[in-house]
Amino acid sequence: QSFSSDISRFFTGSPTDKAIWMLVGGAA
């Protein structure tokens, strides 16, 4: 939900890699 993730989502359609890896690692 950060600003950098919003910018990444605007251009690529997905949040930053850091956010995704933190979610995946946390779930695992």
PDB file of all heavy atoms in Angstrom:
ATOM      1  N   GLN A   1       0.809  -1.214   0.000  1.00  0.00           N
ATOM      2  CA  GLN A   1       0.000   0.000   0.000  1.00  0.00           C
ATOM      3  C   GLN A   1       0.844   1.267   0.000  1.00  0.00           C
ATOM      4  O   GLN A   1       0.316   2.359   0.186  1.00  0.00           O
ATOM      5  CB  GLN A   1      -0.928  -0.007   1.216  1.00  0.00           C
ATOM      6  CG  GLN A   1      -1.940  -1.126   1.174  1.00  0.00           C
ATOM      7  CD  GLN A   1      -2.758  -1.203   2.433  1.00  0.00           C
ATOM      8  OE1 GLN A   1      -2.504  -0.505   3.409  1.00  0.00           O
ATOM      9  NE2 GLN A   1      -3.759  -2.059   2.423  1.00  0.00           N
ATOM     10  N   SER A   2       2.141   1.126  -0.235  1.00  0.00           N
ATOM     11  CA  SER A   2       3.026   2.286  -0.212  1.00  0.00           C
ATOM     12  C   SER A   2       2.966   3.062  -1.531  1.00  0.00           C
ATOM     13  O   SER A   2       2.426   2.600  -2.529  1.00  0.00           O
ATOM     14  CB  SER A   2       4.467   1.845   0.056  1.00  0.00           C
ATOM     15  OG  SER A   2       4.956   1.135  -1.055  1.00  0.00           O
ATOM     16  N   PHE A   3       3.577   4.239  -1.520  1.00  0.00           N
ATOM     17  CA  PHE A   3       3.591   5.094  -2.708  1.00  0.00           C
ATOM     18  C   PHE A   3       4.366   4.439  -3.856  1.00  0.00           C
ATOM     19  O   PHE A   3       3.926   4.462  -5.005  1.00  0.00           O
ATOM     20  CB  PHE A   3       4.200   6.458  -2.373  1.00  0.00           C
ATOM     21  CG  PHE A   3       4.270   7.385  -3.551  1.00  0.00           C
ATOM     22  CD1 PHE A   3       3.125   7.947  -4.071  1.00  0.00           C
ATOM     23  CD2 PHE A   3       5.489   7.663  -4.145  1.00  0.00           C
ATOM     24  CE1 PHE A   3       3.181   8.790  -5.169  1.00  0.00           C
ATOM     25  CE2 PHE A   3       5.563   8.506  -5.238  1.00  0.00           C
ATOM     26  CZ  PHE A   3       4.407   9.069  -5.752  1.00  0.00           C
ATOM     27  N   SER A   4       5.510   3.834  -3.541  1.00  0.00           N
ATOM     28  CA  SER A   4       6.302   3.192  -4.596  1.00  0.00           C
ATOM     29  C   SER A   4       5.563   2.018  -5.201  1.00  0.00           C
ATOM     30  O   SER A   4       5.671   1.746  -6.399  1.00  0.00           O
ATOM     31  CB  SER A   4       7.663   2.744  -4.059  1.00  0.00           C
ATOM     32  OG  SER A   4       7.501   1.776  -3.050  1.00  0.00           O
ATOM     33  N   SER A   5       4.799   1.321  -4.402  1.00  0.00           N
ATOM     34  CA  SER A   5       4.003   0.225  -4.920  1.00  0.00           C
ATOM     35  C   SER A   5       2.864   0.742  -5.801  1.00  0.00           C
ATOM     36  O   SER A   5       2.500   0.107  -6.794  1.00  0.00           O
ATOM     37  CB  SER A   5       3.444  -0.609  -3.769  1.00  0.00           C
ATOM     38  OG  SER A   5       2.892  -1.796  -4.236  1.00  0.00           O
ATOM     39  N   ASP A   6       2.314   1.898  -5.449  1.00  0.00           N
ATOM     40  CA  ASP A   6       1.285   2.512  -6.287  1.00  0.00           C
ATOM     41  C   ASP A   6       1.847   2.890  -7.651  1.00  0.00           C
ATOM     42  O   ASP A   6       1.196   2.691  -8.676  1.00  0.00           O
ATOM     43  CB  ASP A   6       0.697   3.746  -5.616  1.00  0.00           C
ATOM     44  CG  ASP A   6      -0.208   3.412  -4.445  1.00  0.00           C
ATOM     45  OD1 ASP A   6      -0.685   2.260  -4.386  1.00  0.00           O
ATOM     46  OD2 ASP A   6      -0.433   4.302  -3.607  1.00  0.00           O
ATOM     47  N   ILE A   7       3.068   3.441  -7.668  1.00  0.00           N
ATOM     48  CA  ILE A   7       3.712   3.796  -8.934  1.00  0.00           C
ATOM     49  C   ILE A   7       3.972   2.545  -9.763  1.00  0.00           C
ATOM     50  O   ILE A   7       3.705   2.514 -10.966  1.00  0.00           O
ATOM     51  CB  ILE A   7       5.033   4.562  -8.671  1.00  0.00           C
ATOM     52  CG1 ILE A   7       4.755   5.881  -7.954  1.00  0.00           C
ATOM     53  CG2 ILE A   7       5.796   4.799  -9.964  1.00  0.00           C
ATOM     54  CD1 ILE A   7       3.913   6.855  -8.726  1.00  0.00           C
ATOM     55  N   SER A   8       4.484   1.505  -9.119  1.00  0.00           N
ATOM     56  CA  SER A   8       4.732   0.242  -9.819  1.00  0.00           C
ATOM     57  C   SER A   8       3.432  -0.350 -10.354  1.00  0.00           C
ATOM     58  O   SER A   8       3.380  -0.858 -11.475  1.00  0.00           O
ATOM     59  CB  SER A   8       5.405  -0.753  -8.877  1.00  0.00           C
ATOM     60  OG  SER A   8       5.554  -2.002  -9.496  1.00  0.00           O
ATOM     61  N   ARG A   9       2.377  -0.279  -9.563  1.00  0.00           N
ATOM     62  CA  ARG A   9       1.082  -0.813  -9.990  1.00  0.00           C
ATOM     63  C   ARG A   9       0.528  -0.025 -11.177  1.00  0.00           C
ATOM     64  O   ARG A   9      -0.107  -0.590 -12.066  1.00  0.00           O
ATOM     65  CB  ARG A   9       0.102  -0.759  -8.817  1.00  0.00           C
ATOM     66  CG  ARG A   9      -1.129  -1.599  -9.025  1.00  0.00           C
ATOM     67  CD  ARG A   9      -2.050  -1.615  -7.811  1.00  0.00           C
ATOM     68  NE  ARG A   9      -1.419  -2.218  -6.648  1.00  0.00           N
ATOM     69  CZ  ARG A   9      -1.119  -1.566  -5.538  1.00  0.00           C
ATOM     70  NH1 ARG A   9      -1.395  -0.282  -5.426  1.00  0.00           N
ATOM     71  NH2 ARG A   9      -0.562  -2.179  -4.527  1.00  0.00           N
ATOM     72  N   PHE A  10       0.807   1.277 -11.229  1.00  0.00           N
ATOM     73  CA  PHE A  10       0.339   2.108 -12.334  1.00  0.00           C
ATOM     74  C   PHE A  10       0.987   1.683 -13.647  1.00  0.00           C
ATOM     75  O   PHE A  10       0.329   1.601 -14.684  1.00  0.00           O
ATOM     76  CB  PHE A  10       0.632   3.584 -12.053  1.00  0.00           C
ATOM     77  CG  PHE A  10       0.231   4.513 -13.156  1.00  0.00           C
ATOM     78  CD1 PHE A  10      -1.102   4.832 -13.347  1.00  0.00           C
ATOM     79  CD2 PHE A  10       1.173   5.058 -14.004  1.00  0.00           C
ATOM     80  CE1 PHE A  10      -1.487   5.688 -14.362  1.00  0.00           C
ATOM     81  CE2 PHE A  10       0.811   5.912 -15.023  1.00  0.00           C
ATOM     82  CZ  PHE A  10      -0.528   6.232 -15.208  1.00  0.00           C
ATOM     83  N   PHE A  11       2.303   1.411 -13.617  1.00  0.00           N
ATOM     84  CA  PHE A  11       3.011   1.084 -14.850  1.00  0.00           C
ATOM     85  C   PHE A  11       2.977  -0.401 -15.196  1.00  0.00           C
ATOM     86  O   PHE A  11       2.935  -0.763 -16.371  1.00  0.00           O
ATOM     87  CB  PHE A  11       4.474   1.544 -14.760  1.00  0.00           C
ATOM     88  CG  PHE A  11       4.612   3.033 -14.844  1.00  0.00           C
ATOM     89  CD1 PHE A  11       4.983   3.771 -13.744  1.00  0.00           C
ATOM     90  CD2 PHE A  11       4.349   3.702 -16.033  1.00  0.00           C
ATOM     91  CE1 PHE A  11       5.103   5.150 -13.814  1.00  0.00           C
ATOM     92  CE2 PHE A  11       4.461   5.074 -16.118  1.00  0.00           C
ATOM     93  CZ  PHE A  11       4.836   5.798 -15.005  1.00  0.00           C
ATOM     94  N   THR A  12       3.023  -1.277 -14.198  1.00  0.00           N
ATOM     95  CA  THR A  12       3.112  -2.711 -14.481  1.00  0.00           C
ATOM     96  C   THR A  12       1.841  -3.483 -14.166  1.00  0.00           C
ATOM     97  O   THR A  12       1.689  -4.616 -14.610  1.00  0.00           O
ATOM     98  CB  THR A  12       4.261  -3.343 -13.689  1.00  0.00           C
ATOM     99  OG1 THR A  12       3.974  -3.253 -12.291  1.00  0.00           O
ATOM    100  CG2 THR A  12       5.583  -2.682 -13.999  1.00  0.00           C
ATOM    101  N   GLY A  13       0.983  -2.916 -13.369  1.00  0.00           N
ATOM    102  CA  GLY A  13      -0.245  -3.607 -12.993  1.00  0.00           C
ATOM    103  C   GLY A  13      -0.097  -4.468 -11.751  1.00  0.00           C
ATOM    104  O   GLY A  13      -1.048  -5.123 -11.337  1.00  0.00           O
ATOM    105  N   SER A  14       1.094  -4.504 -11.154  1.00  0.00           N
ATOM    106  CA  SER A  14       1.297  -5.285  -9.943  1.00  0.00           C
ATOM    107  C   SER A  14       2.150  -4.481  -8.959  1.00  0.00           C
ATOM    108  O   SER A  14       2.890  -3.594  -9.357  1.00  0.00           O
ATOM    109  CB  SER A  14       1.992  -6.609 -10.262  1.00  0.00           C
ATOM    110  OG  SER A  14       3.277  -6.383 -10.769  1.00  0.00           O
ATOM    111  N   PRO A  15       2.058  -4.798  -7.664  1.00  0.00           N
ATOM    112  CA  PRO A  15       2.872  -4.081  -6.680  1.00  0.00           C
ATOM    113  C   PRO A  15       4.357  -4.431  -6.833  1.00  0.00           C
ATOM    114  O   PRO A  15       4.729  -5.268  -7.655  1.00  0.00           O
ATOM    115  CB  PRO A  15       2.327  -4.557  -5.336  1.00  0.00           C
ATOM    116  CG  PRO A  15       1.484  -5.724  -5.613  1.00  0.00           C
ATOM    117  CD  PRO A  15       1.149  -5.738  -7.054  1.00  0.00           C
ATOM    118  N   THR A  16       5.199  -3.825  -6.032  1.00  0.00           N
ATOM    119  CA  THR A  16       6.641  -4.053  -6.127  1.00  0.00           C
ATOM    120  C   THR A  16       6.989  -5.498  -5.767  1.00  0.00           C
ATOM    121  O   THR A  16       6.241  -6.189  -5.071  1.00  0.00           O
ATOM    122  CB  THR A  16       7.405  -3.110  -5.192  1.00  0.00           C
ATOM    123  OG1 THR A  16       6.965  -3.348  -3.853  1.00  0.00           O
ATOM    124  CG2 THR A  16       7.186  -1.660  -5.559  1.00  0.00           C
ATOM    125  N   ASP A  17       8.146  -5.935  -6.250  1.00  0.00           N
ATOM    126  CA  ASP A  17       8.607  -7.289  -5.956  1.00  0.00           C
ATOM    127  C   ASP A  17       8.823  -7.490  -4.462  1.00  0.00           C
ATOM    128  O   ASP A  17       8.565  -8.568  -3.934  1.00  0.00           O
ATOM    129  CB  ASP A  17       9.907  -7.581  -6.697  1.00  0.00           C
ATOM    130  CG  ASP A  17       9.702  -7.725  -8.192  1.00  0.00           C
ATOM    131  OD1 ASP A  17       8.557  -7.948  -8.617  1.00  0.00           O
ATOM    132  OD2 ASP A  17      10.703  -7.613  -8.922  1.00  0.00           O
ATOM    133  N   LYS A  18       9.297  -6.462  -3.785  1.00  0.00           N
ATOM    134  CA  LYS A  18       9.535  -6.558  -2.346  1.00  0.00           C
ATOM    135  C   LYS A  18       8.237  -6.895  -1.607  1.00  0.00           C
ATOM    136  O   LYS A  18       8.225  -7.767  -0.738  1.00  0.00           O
ATOM    137  CB  LYS A  18      10.114  -5.241  -1.827  1.00  0.00           C
ATOM    138  CG  LYS A  18      10.359  -5.217  -0.345  1.00  0.00           C
ATOM    139  CD  LYS A  18      10.885  -3.864   0.095  1.00  0.00           C
ATOM    140  CE  LYS A  18      10.999  -3.786   1.593  1.00  0.00           C
ATOM    141  NZ  LYS A  18      11.422  -2.461   2.044  1.00  0.00           N
ATOM    142  N   ALA A  19       7.164  -6.211  -1.972  1.00  0.00           N
ATOM    143  CA  ALA A  19       5.879  -6.458  -1.309  1.00  0.00           C
ATOM    144  C   ALA A  19       5.394  -7.878  -1.584  1.00  0.00           C
ATOM    145  O   ALA A  19       4.919  -8.564  -0.679  1.00  0.00           O
ATOM    146  CB  ALA A  19       4.839  -5.446  -1.779  1.00  0.00           C
ATOM    147  N   ILE A  20       5.543  -8.326  -2.807  1.00  0.00           N
ATOM    148  CA  ILE A  20       5.082  -9.669  -3.162  1.00  0.00           C
ATOM    149  C   ILE A  20       5.891 -10.729  -2.425  1.00  0.00           C
ATOM    150  O   ILE A  20       5.333 -11.680  -1.863  1.00  0.00           O
ATOM    151  CB  ILE A  20       5.156  -9.874  -4.689  1.00  0.00           C
ATOM    152  CG1 ILE A  20       4.129  -8.978  -5.371  1.00  0.00           C
ATOM    153  CG2 ILE A  20       4.931 -11.332  -5.053  1.00  0.00           C
ATOM    154  CD1 ILE A  20       4.244  -8.936  -6.870  1.00  0.00           C
ATOM    155  N   TRP A  21       7.216 -10.581  -2.381  1.00  0.00           N
ATOM    156  CA  TRP A  21       8.051 -11.566  -1.703  1.00  0.00           C
ATOM    157  C   TRP A  21       7.813 -11.570  -0.201  1.00  0.00           C
ATOM    158  O   TRP A  21       7.885 -12.634   0.439  1.00  0.00           O
ATOM    159  CB  TRP A  21       9.521 -11.346  -2.015  1.00  0.00           C
ATOM    160  CG  TRP A  21       9.888 -11.877  -3.361  1.00  0.00           C
ATOM    161  CD1 TRP A  21      10.247 -11.154  -4.451  1.00  0.00           C
ATOM    162  CD2 TRP A  21       9.886 -13.245  -3.769  1.00  0.00           C
ATOM    163  NE1 TRP A  21      10.474 -11.992  -5.514  1.00  0.00           N
ATOM    164  CE2 TRP A  21      10.261 -13.281  -5.125  1.00  0.00           C
ATOM    165  CE3 TRP A  21       9.591 -14.438  -3.123  1.00  0.00           C
ATOM    166  CZ2 TRP A  21      10.363 -14.469  -5.830  1.00  0.00           C
ATOM    167  CZ3 TRP A  21       9.692 -15.618  -3.830  1.00  0.00           C
ATOM    168  CH2 TRP A  21      10.075 -15.631  -5.170  1.00  0.00           C
ATOM    169  N   MET A  22       7.529 -10.422   0.370  1.00  0.00           N
ATOM    170  CA  MET A  22       7.230 -10.389   1.802  1.00  0.00           C
ATOM    171  C   MET A  22       5.918 -11.107   2.099  1.00  0.00           C
ATOM    172  O   MET A  22       5.811 -11.830   3.097  1.00  0.00           O
ATOM    173  CB  MET A  22       7.189  -8.953   2.314  1.00  0.00           C
ATOM    174  CG  MET A  22       8.560  -8.315   2.367  1.00  0.00           C
ATOM    175  SD  MET A  22       8.522  -6.634   2.953  1.00  0.00           S
ATOM    176  CE  MET A  22       8.516  -6.914   4.700  1.00  0.00           C
ATOM    177  N   LEU A  23       4.925 -10.935   1.249  1.00  0.00           N
ATOM    178  CA  LEU A  23       3.657 -11.629   1.437  1.00  0.00           C
ATOM    179  C   LEU A  23       3.804 -13.135   1.251  1.00  0.00           C
ATOM    180  O   LEU A  23       3.286 -13.930   2.043  1.00  0.00           O
ATOM    181  CB  LEU A  23       2.603 -11.072   0.478  1.00  0.00           C
ATOM    182  CG  LEU A  23       2.122  -9.662   0.783  1.00  0.00           C
ATOM    183  CD1 LEU A  23       1.288  -9.124  -0.369  1.00  0.00           C
ATOM    184  CD2 LEU A  23       1.318  -9.649   2.071  1.00  0.00           C
ATOM    185  N   VAL A  24       4.530 -13.538   0.216  1.00  0.00           N
ATOM    186  CA  VAL A  24       4.719 -14.966  -0.052  1.00  0.00           C
ATOM    187  C   VAL A  24       5.547 -15.613   1.061  1.00  0.00           C
ATOM    188  O   VAL A  24       5.205 -16.698   1.558  1.00  0.00           O
ATOM    189  CB  VAL A  24       5.378 -15.166  -1.433  1.00  0.00           C
ATOM    190  CG1 VAL A  24       5.817 -16.600  -1.632  1.00  0.00           C
ATOM    191  CG2 VAL A  24       4.421 -14.751  -2.539  1.00  0.00           C
ATOM    192  N   GLY A  25       6.636 -14.953   1.444  1.00  0.00           N
ATOM    193  CA  GLY A  25       7.467 -15.492   2.520  1.00  0.00           C
ATOM    194  C   GLY A  25       6.740 -15.559   3.844  1.00  0.00           C
ATOM    195  O   GLY A  25       6.885 -16.526   4.599  1.00  0.00           O
ATOM    196  N   GLY A  26       5.949 -14.544   4.136  1.00  0.00           N
ATOM    197  CA  GLY A  26       5.171 -14.546   5.368  1.00  0.00           C
ATOM    198  C   GLY A  26       4.131 -15.645   5.390  1.00  0.00           C
ATOM    199  O   GLY A  26       3.933 -16.303   6.413  1.00  0.00           O
ATOM    200  N   ALA A  27       3.484 -15.859   4.259  1.00  0.00           N
ATOM    201  CA  ALA A  27       2.493 -16.934   4.183  1.00  0.00           C
ATOM    202  C   ALA A  27       3.166 -18.297   4.349  1.00  0.00           C
ATOM    203  O   ALA A  27       2.654 -19.162   5.077  1.00  0.00           O
ATOM    204  CB  ALA A  27       1.746 -16.861   2.858  1.00  0.00           C
ATOM    205  N   ALA A  28       4.307 -18.490   3.706  1.00  0.00           N
ATOM    206  CA  ALA A  28       5.016 -19.769   3.811  1.00  0.00           C
ATOM    207  C   ALA A  28       5.492 -20.019   5.240  1.00  0.00           C
ATOM    208  O   ALA A  28       5.331 -21.126   5.777  1.00  0.00           O
ATOM    209  CB  ALA A  28       6.194 -19.784   2.843  1.00  0.00           C
TER     210      ALA A  28
END
